[in-house]
Amino acid sequence: MAKLEGKKLLLLGERDGVPGPAMADVFANSGAEILFSATECFV
């Protein structure tokens, strides 16, 4: 994932979809900095 190296990420997960911590795990070794990760309920 060289395209993300040096980028900053804001991760918004969804309760019924992909949660924020799961996305953070996926991007952990991408070279990007995770600034914020949360799981919300969008109604």
PDB file of N, CA and C in Angstrom:
ATOM      1  N   MET A   1       0.825  -1.190   0.000  1.00  0.00           N
ATOM      2  CA  MET A   1       0.000   0.000   0.000  1.00  0.00           C
ATOM      3  C   MET A   1       0.866   1.249   0.000  1.00  0.00           C
ATOM      4  N   ALA A   2       1.752   1.335  -0.933  1.00  0.00           N
ATOM      5  CA  ALA A   2       2.671   2.463  -1.009  1.00  0.00           C
ATOM      6  C   ALA A   2       1.940   3.785  -1.252  1.00  0.00           C
ATOM      7  N   LYS A   3       0.739   3.731  -1.806  1.00  0.00           N
ATOM      8  CA  LYS A   3      -0.010   4.962  -2.074  1.00  0.00           C
ATOM      9  C   LYS A   3      -0.416   5.672  -0.788  1.00  0.00           C
ATOM     10  N   LEU A   4      -0.487   4.961   0.318  1.00  0.00           N
ATOM     11  CA  LEU A   4      -0.923   5.558   1.581  1.00  0.00           C
ATOM     12  C   LEU A   4       0.231   6.016   2.461  1.00  0.00           C
ATOM     13  N   GLU A   5       1.445   5.724   2.072  1.00  0.00           N
ATOM     14  CA  GLU A   5       2.597   6.074   2.896  1.00  0.00           C
ATOM     15  C   GLU A   5       2.677   7.587   3.088  1.00  0.00           C
ATOM     16  N   GLY A   6       2.749   8.006   4.353  1.00  0.00           N
ATOM     17  CA  GLY A   6       2.828   9.425   4.684  1.00  0.00           C
ATOM     18  C   GLY A   6       1.474  10.122   4.766  1.00  0.00           C
ATOM     19  N   LYS A   7       0.394   9.429   4.480  1.00  0.00           N
ATOM     20  CA  LYS A   7      -0.949  10.019   4.536  1.00  0.00           C
ATOM     21  C   LYS A   7      -1.499   9.922   5.956  1.00  0.00           C
ATOM     22  N   LYS A   8      -2.504  10.720   6.251  1.00  0.00           N
ATOM     23  CA  LYS A   8      -3.202  10.698   7.532  1.00  0.00           C
ATOM     24  C   LYS A   8      -4.624  10.196   7.294  1.00  0.00           C
ATOM     25  N   LEU A   9      -5.089   9.272   8.148  1.00  0.00           N
ATOM     26  CA  LEU A   9      -6.394   8.646   7.945  1.00  0.00           C
ATOM     27  C   LEU A   9      -7.347   8.949   9.087  1.00  0.00           C
ATOM     28  N   LEU A  10      -8.599   9.207   8.736  1.00  0.00           N
ATOM     29  CA  LEU A  10      -9.718   9.280   9.669  1.00  0.00           C
ATOM     30  C   LEU A  10     -10.637   8.128   9.297  1.00  0.00           C
ATOM     31  N   LEU A  11     -10.825   7.189  10.198  1.00  0.00           N
ATOM     32  CA  LEU A  11     -11.596   5.987   9.898  1.00  0.00           C
ATOM     33  C   LEU A  11     -12.915   6.004  10.649  1.00  0.00           C
ATOM     34  N   LEU A  12     -14.013   5.999   9.914  1.00  0.00           N
ATOM     35  CA  LEU A  12     -15.350   5.943  10.504  1.00  0.00           C
ATOM     36  C   LEU A  12     -15.993   4.620  10.134  1.00  0.00           C
ATOM     37  N   GLY A  13     -16.134   3.774  11.118  1.00  0.00           N
ATOM     38  CA  GLY A  13     -16.762   2.484  10.896  1.00  0.00           C
ATOM     39  C   GLY A  13     -18.244   2.548  11.228  1.00  0.00           C
ATOM     40  N   GLU A  14     -18.954   1.512  10.844  1.00  0.00           N
ATOM     41  CA  GLU A  14     -20.391   1.439  11.096  1.00  0.00           C
ATOM     42  C   GLU A  14     -20.686   0.189  11.917  1.00  0.00           C
ATOM     43  N   ARG A  15     -21.602   0.318  12.851  1.00  0.00           N
ATOM     44  CA  ARG A  15     -21.926  -0.783  13.758  1.00  0.00           C
ATOM     45  C   ARG A  15     -22.387  -2.023  13.010  1.00  0.00           C
ATOM     46  N   ASP A  16     -23.207  -1.870  11.982  1.00  0.00           N
ATOM     47  CA  ASP A  16     -23.734  -3.013  11.232  1.00  0.00           C
ATOM     48  C   ASP A  16     -22.859  -3.380  10.030  1.00  0.00           C
ATOM     49  N   GLY A  17     -21.774  -2.650   9.836  1.00  0.00           N
ATOM     50  CA  GLY A  17     -20.876  -2.909   8.716  1.00  0.00           C
ATOM     51  C   GLY A  17     -19.490  -3.241   9.228  1.00  0.00           C
ATOM     52  N   VAL A  18     -18.513  -2.523   8.741  1.00  0.00           N
ATOM     53  CA  VAL A  18     -17.122  -2.736   9.152  1.00  0.00           C
ATOM     54  C   VAL A  18     -16.803  -1.770  10.291  1.00  0.00           C
ATOM     55  N   PRO A  19     -16.438  -2.279  11.474  1.00  0.00           N
ATOM     56  CA  PRO A  19     -16.125  -1.402  12.596  1.00  0.00           C
ATOM     57  C   PRO A  19     -14.777  -0.691  12.427  1.00  0.00           C
ATOM     58  N   GLY A  20     -14.645   0.443  13.076  1.00  0.00           N
ATOM     59  CA  GLY A  20     -13.420   1.243  12.997  1.00  0.00           C
ATOM     60  C   GLY A  20     -12.160   0.494  13.376  1.00  0.00           C
ATOM     61  N   PRO A  21     -12.138  -0.255  14.497  1.00  0.00           N
ATOM     62  CA  PRO A  21     -10.918  -0.978  14.859  1.00  0.00           C
ATOM     63  C   PRO A  21     -10.492  -2.020  13.821  1.00  0.00           C
ATOM     64  N   ALA A  22     -11.444  -2.611  13.116  1.00  0.00           N
ATOM     65  CA  ALA A  22     -11.102  -3.572  12.064  1.00  0.00           C
ATOM     66  C   ALA A  22     -10.398  -2.854  10.914  1.00  0.00           C
ATOM     67  N   MET A  23     -10.875  -1.666  10.556  1.00  0.00           N
ATOM     68  CA  MET A  23     -10.214  -0.892   9.511  1.00  0.00           C
ATOM     69  C   MET A  23      -8.827  -0.458   9.959  1.00  0.00           C
ATOM     70  N   ALA A  24      -8.697  -0.078  11.234  1.00  0.00           N
ATOM     71  CA  ALA A  24      -7.392   0.327  11.759  1.00  0.00           C
ATOM     72  C   ALA A  24      -6.395  -0.822  11.664  1.00  0.00           C
ATOM     73  N   ASP A  25      -6.851  -2.046  11.923  1.00  0.00           N
ATOM     74  CA  ASP A  25      -5.977  -3.215  11.812  1.00  0.00           C
ATOM     75  C   ASP A  25      -5.510  -3.422  10.368  1.00  0.00           C
ATOM     76  N   VAL A  26      -6.400  -3.203   9.432  1.00  0.00           N
ATOM     77  CA  VAL A  26      -6.057  -3.378   8.012  1.00  0.00           C
ATOM     78  C   VAL A  26      -5.001  -2.358   7.584  1.00  0.00           C
ATOM     79  N   PHE A  27      -5.140  -1.115   8.029  1.00  0.00           N
ATOM     80  CA  PHE A  27      -4.235  -0.052   7.601  1.00  0.00           C
ATOM     81  C   PHE A  27      -3.018   0.119   8.508  1.00  0.00           C
ATOM     82  N   ALA A  28      -2.870  -0.715   9.532  1.00  0.00           N
ATOM     83  CA  ALA A  28      -1.785  -0.559  10.508  1.00  0.00           C
ATOM     84  C   ALA A  28      -0.399  -0.611   9.860  1.00  0.00           C
ATOM     85  N   ASN A  29      -0.200  -1.462   8.891  1.00  0.00           N
ATOM     86  CA  ASN A  29       1.113  -1.609   8.257  1.00  0.00           C
ATOM     87  C   ASN A  29       1.201  -0.935   6.887  1.00  0.00           C
ATOM     88  N   SER A  30       0.314   0.019   6.634  1.00  0.00           N
ATOM     89  CA  SER A  30       0.276   0.665   5.325  1.00  0.00           C
ATOM     90  C   SER A  30       1.245   1.830   5.198  1.00  0.00           C
ATOM     91  N   GLY A  31       1.796   2.282   6.318  1.00  0.00           N
ATOM     92  CA  GLY A  31       2.665   3.459   6.290  1.00  0.00           C
ATOM     93  C   GLY A  31       1.902   4.737   6.550  1.00  0.00           C
ATOM     94  N   ALA A  32       0.583   4.647   6.651  1.00  0.00           N
ATOM     95  CA  ALA A  32      -0.246   5.818   6.932  1.00  0.00           C
ATOM     96  C   ALA A  32      -0.378   6.004   8.441  1.00  0.00           C
ATOM     97  N   GLU A  33      -0.635   7.239   8.843  1.00  0.00           N
ATOM     98  CA  GLU A  33      -0.855   7.552  10.255  1.00  0.00           C
ATOM     99  C   GLU A  33      -2.364   7.592  10.516  1.00  0.00           C
ATOM    100  N   ILE A  34      -2.838   6.798  11.456  1.00  0.00           N
ATOM    101  CA  ILE A  34      -4.260   6.774  11.800  1.00  0.00           C
ATOM    102  C   ILE A  34      -4.497   7.813  12.889  1.00  0.00           C
ATOM    103  N   LEU A  35      -5.172   8.895  12.515  1.00  0.00           N
ATOM    104  CA  LEU A  35      -5.431   9.983  13.454  1.00  0.00           C
ATOM    105  C   LEU A  35      -6.636   9.694  14.340  1.00  0.00           C
ATOM    106  N   PHE A  36      -7.643   9.039  13.766  1.00  0.00           N
ATOM    107  CA  PHE A  36      -8.890   8.817  14.495  1.00  0.00           C
ATOM    108  C   PHE A  36      -9.571   7.581  13.934  1.00  0.00           C
ATOM    109  N   SER A  37     -10.083   6.749  14.823  1.00  0.00           N
ATOM    110  CA  SER A  37     -10.822   5.559  14.423  1.00  0.00           C
ATOM    111  C   SER A  37     -11.996   5.385  15.376  1.00  0.00           C
ATOM    112  N   ALA A  38     -13.191   5.265  14.835  1.00  0.00           N
ATOM    113  CA  ALA A  38     -14.383   5.114  15.679  1.00  0.00           C
ATOM    114  C   ALA A  38     -15.424   4.272  14.956  1.00  0.00           C
ATOM    115  N   THR A  39     -16.319   3.700  15.758  1.00  0.00           N
ATOM    116  CA  THR A  39     -17.456   2.962  15.226  1.00  0.00           C
ATOM    117  C   THR A  39     -18.707   3.711  15.647  1.00  0.00           C
ATOM    118  N   GLU A  40     -19.530   4.064  14.691  1.00  0.00           N
ATOM    119  CA  GLU A  40     -20.747   4.837  14.950  1.00  0.00           C
ATOM    120  C   GLU A  40     -21.969   4.068  14.459  1.00  0.00           C
ATOM    121  N   CYS A  41     -23.123   4.505  14.909  1.00  0.00           N
ATOM    122  CA  CYS A  41     -24.393   3.943  14.461  1.00  0.00           C
ATOM    123  C   CYS A  41     -25.104   5.007  13.619  1.00  0.00           C
ATOM    124  N   PHE A  42     -25.159   4.796  12.322  1.00  0.00           N
ATOM    125  CA  PHE A  42     -25.800   5.749  11.409  1.00  0.00           C
ATOM    126  C   PHE A  42     -27.231   5.311  11.160  1.00  0.00           C
ATOM    127  N   VAL A  43     -28.170   6.133  11.569  1.00  0.00           N
ATOM    128  CA  VAL A  43     -29.589   5.803  11.421  1.00  0.00           C
ATOM    129  C   VAL A  43     -30.222   6.717  10.407  1.00  0.00           C
TER     130      VAL A  43
END
